[in-house]
Amino acid sequence: IDFTLSRLLADDCVVYTDLGKDTSLFEGDGDIQFDVYRQMKEHIGNDWKSYNPITNVFWITYLCKKLVSKLDPSRRATLHKFITRLSSYS
């Protein structure tokens, strides 16, 4: 797992990357991951050091959407309902 853009607490020290310094993350297109970066920034502003567990939900939703897109269309409906419920988490 790539932790390059992650935030974690280790030995009472917050380790994080200031994503605000890389504007290309928020300007990208062609993959929904860029939507997640924009969603994160909209939710937390530019405070990349703080703990915001909702961002985990954003990434879980992203992964679900990616996985569902690989499924047979007949199996997608149930998982789309799950993704919709997940997206409503606040």
C-alpha atoms as a PDB file:
ATOM      1  CA  ILE A   1       0.000   0.000   0.000  1.00  0.00           C
ATOM      2  CA  ASP A   2       1.260   3.432  -0.935  1.00  0.00           C
ATOM      3  CA  PHE A   3       1.091   5.805   2.040  1.00  0.00           C
ATOM      4  CA  THR A   4       2.571   8.766   0.151  1.00  0.00           C
ATOM      5  CA  LEU A   5      -0.586  10.887   0.428  1.00  0.00           C
ATOM      6  CA  SER A   6      -1.808   9.441   3.718  1.00  0.00           C
ATOM      7  CA  ARG A   7      -2.071  10.832   7.211  1.00  0.00           C
ATOM      8  CA  LEU A   8      -1.231   8.813  10.301  1.00  0.00           C
ATOM      9  CA  LEU A   9      -0.430   9.188  13.964  1.00  0.00           C
ATOM     10  CA  ALA A  10       2.797   7.523  15.083  1.00  0.00           C
ATOM     11  CA  ASP A  11       4.221   7.926  18.584  1.00  0.00           C
ATOM     12  CA  ASP A  12       2.096  11.032  19.243  1.00  0.00           C
ATOM     13  CA  CYS A  13       3.385  12.600  16.034  1.00  0.00           C
ATOM     14  CA  VAL A  14       1.109  13.322  13.069  1.00  0.00           C
ATOM     15  CA  VAL A  15       2.760  12.291   9.812  1.00  0.00           C
ATOM     16  CA  TYR A  16       1.072  13.740   6.736  1.00  0.00           C
ATOM     17  CA  THR A  17       1.602  15.325   3.351  1.00  0.00           C
ATOM     18  CA  ASP A  18       0.290  18.826   2.735  1.00  0.00           C
ATOM     19  CA  LEU A  19      -1.779  18.014  -0.334  1.00  0.00           C
ATOM     20  CA  GLY A  20      -2.530  21.699  -0.815  1.00  0.00           C
ATOM     21  CA  LYS A  21       0.998  22.141  -2.150  1.00  0.00           C
ATOM     22  CA  ASP A  22       0.235  19.918  -5.162  1.00  0.00           C
ATOM     23  CA  THR A  23      -2.549  21.682  -7.026  1.00  0.00           C
ATOM     24  CA  SER A  24      -2.427  19.116  -9.839  1.00  0.00           C
ATOM     25  CA  LEU A  25      -4.217  16.648  -7.540  1.00  0.00           C
ATOM     26  CA  PHE A  26      -7.297  18.875  -7.613  1.00  0.00           C
ATOM     27  CA  GLU A  27      -7.128  19.800 -11.282  1.00  0.00           C
ATOM     28  CA  GLY A  28      -6.827  16.300 -12.705  1.00  0.00           C
ATOM     29  CA  ASP A  29      -9.436  14.511 -14.735  1.00  0.00           C
ATOM     30  CA  GLY A  30      -9.863  11.167 -16.423  1.00  0.00           C
ATOM     31  CA  ASP A  31     -10.322   9.170 -13.222  1.00  0.00           C
ATOM     32  CA  ILE A  32     -12.701   9.510 -10.317  1.00  0.00           C
ATOM     33  CA  GLN A  33      -9.745   9.607  -7.920  1.00  0.00           C
ATOM     34  CA  PHE A  34      -9.374  13.300  -8.774  1.00  0.00           C
ATOM     35  CA  ASP A  35     -12.994  13.806  -7.735  1.00  0.00           C
ATOM     36  CA  VAL A  36     -12.080  12.276  -4.370  1.00  0.00           C
ATOM     37  CA  TYR A  37      -9.215  14.749  -3.893  1.00  0.00           C
ATOM     38  CA  ARG A  38     -11.587  17.632  -4.688  1.00  0.00           C
ATOM     39  CA  GLN A  39     -14.206  16.166  -2.340  1.00  0.00           C
ATOM     40  CA  MET A  40     -11.604  15.911   0.431  1.00  0.00           C
ATOM     41  CA  LYS A  41     -10.480  19.496  -0.081  1.00  0.00           C
ATOM     42  CA  GLU A  42     -14.077  20.724  -0.085  1.00  0.00           C
ATOM     43  CA  HIS A  43     -14.765  18.900   3.173  1.00  0.00           C
ATOM     44  CA  ILE A  44     -11.609  19.695   5.147  1.00  0.00           C
ATOM     45  CA  GLY A  45     -10.399  22.869   3.485  1.00  0.00           C
ATOM     46  CA  ASN A  46      -6.630  22.944   3.558  1.00  0.00           C
ATOM     47  CA  ASP A  47      -6.122  21.345   6.977  1.00  0.00           C
ATOM     48  CA  TRP A  48      -4.418  18.118   5.898  1.00  0.00           C
ATOM     49  CA  LYS A  49      -2.983  17.512   9.363  1.00  0.00           C
ATOM     50  CA  SER A  50      -6.313  17.078  11.160  1.00  0.00           C
ATOM     51  CA  TYR A  51      -8.102  13.759  11.611  1.00  0.00           C
ATOM     52  CA  ASN A  52     -11.073  13.522   9.250  1.00  0.00           C
ATOM     53  CA  PRO A  53     -12.399   9.958   9.067  1.00  0.00           C
ATOM     54  CA  ILE A  54     -14.956  10.954   6.428  1.00  0.00           C
ATOM     55  CA  THR A  55     -12.067  10.932   3.957  1.00  0.00           C
ATOM     56  CA  ASN A  56     -11.779   7.184   4.555  1.00  0.00           C
ATOM     57  CA  VAL A  57     -15.405   6.864   3.490  1.00  0.00           C
ATOM     58  CA  PHE A  58     -14.620   8.846   0.334  1.00  0.00           C
ATOM     59  CA  TRP A  59     -11.857   6.377  -0.549  1.00  0.00           C
ATOM     60  CA  ILE A  60     -13.935   3.305   0.318  1.00  0.00           C
ATOM     61  CA  THR A  61     -16.644   4.654  -1.984  1.00  0.00           C
ATOM     62  CA  TYR A  62     -14.030   5.192  -4.697  1.00  0.00           C
ATOM     63  CA  LEU A  63     -12.794   1.599  -4.370  1.00  0.00           C
ATOM     64  CA  CYS A  64     -16.342   0.241  -4.445  1.00  0.00           C
ATOM     65  CA  LYS A  65     -17.115   2.173  -7.623  1.00  0.00           C
ATOM     66  CA  LYS A  66     -13.940   0.892  -9.264  1.00  0.00           C
ATOM     67  CA  LEU A  67     -14.696  -2.709  -8.285  1.00  0.00           C
ATOM     68  CA  VAL A  68     -18.356  -2.519  -9.293  1.00  0.00           C
ATOM     69  CA  SER A  69     -17.386  -1.219 -12.725  1.00  0.00           C
ATOM     70  CA  LYS A  70     -15.581  -4.531 -13.316  1.00  0.00           C
ATOM     71  CA  LEU A  71     -18.620  -6.672 -12.458  1.00  0.00           C
ATOM     72  CA  ASP A  72     -21.161  -8.209 -14.750  1.00  0.00           C
ATOM     73  CA  PRO A  73     -23.941  -5.627 -15.234  1.00  0.00           C
ATOM     74  CA  SER A  74     -26.525  -7.985 -13.757  1.00  0.00           C
ATOM     75  CA  ARG A  75     -24.742  -7.852 -10.378  1.00  0.00           C
ATOM     76  CA  ARG A  76     -24.174  -4.100 -10.236  1.00  0.00           C
ATOM     77  CA  ALA A  77     -27.590  -2.940  -8.979  1.00  0.00           C
ATOM     78  CA  THR A  78     -27.225  -4.295  -5.443  1.00  0.00           C
ATOM     79  CA  LEU A  79     -23.758  -2.857  -5.050  1.00  0.00           C
ATOM     80  CA  HIS A  80     -24.837   0.513  -6.424  1.00  0.00           C
ATOM     81  CA  LYS A  81     -27.406   0.646  -3.616  1.00  0.00           C
ATOM     82  CA  PHE A  82     -24.621  -0.021  -1.108  1.00  0.00           C
ATOM     83  CA  ILE A  83     -22.453   2.707  -2.627  1.00  0.00           C
ATOM     84  CA  THR A  84     -25.358   5.152  -2.441  1.00  0.00           C
ATOM     85  CA  ARG A  85     -25.844   4.364   1.251  1.00  0.00           C
ATOM     86  CA  LEU A  86     -22.109   4.687   1.864  1.00  0.00           C
ATOM     87  CA  SER A  87     -22.017   8.049   0.099  1.00  0.00           C
ATOM     88  CA  SER A  88     -24.710   9.396   2.412  1.00  0.00           C
ATOM     89  CA  TYR A  89     -22.517   8.806   5.487  1.00  0.00           C
ATOM     90  CA  SER A  90     -21.728  12.003   7.332  1.00  0.00           C
END
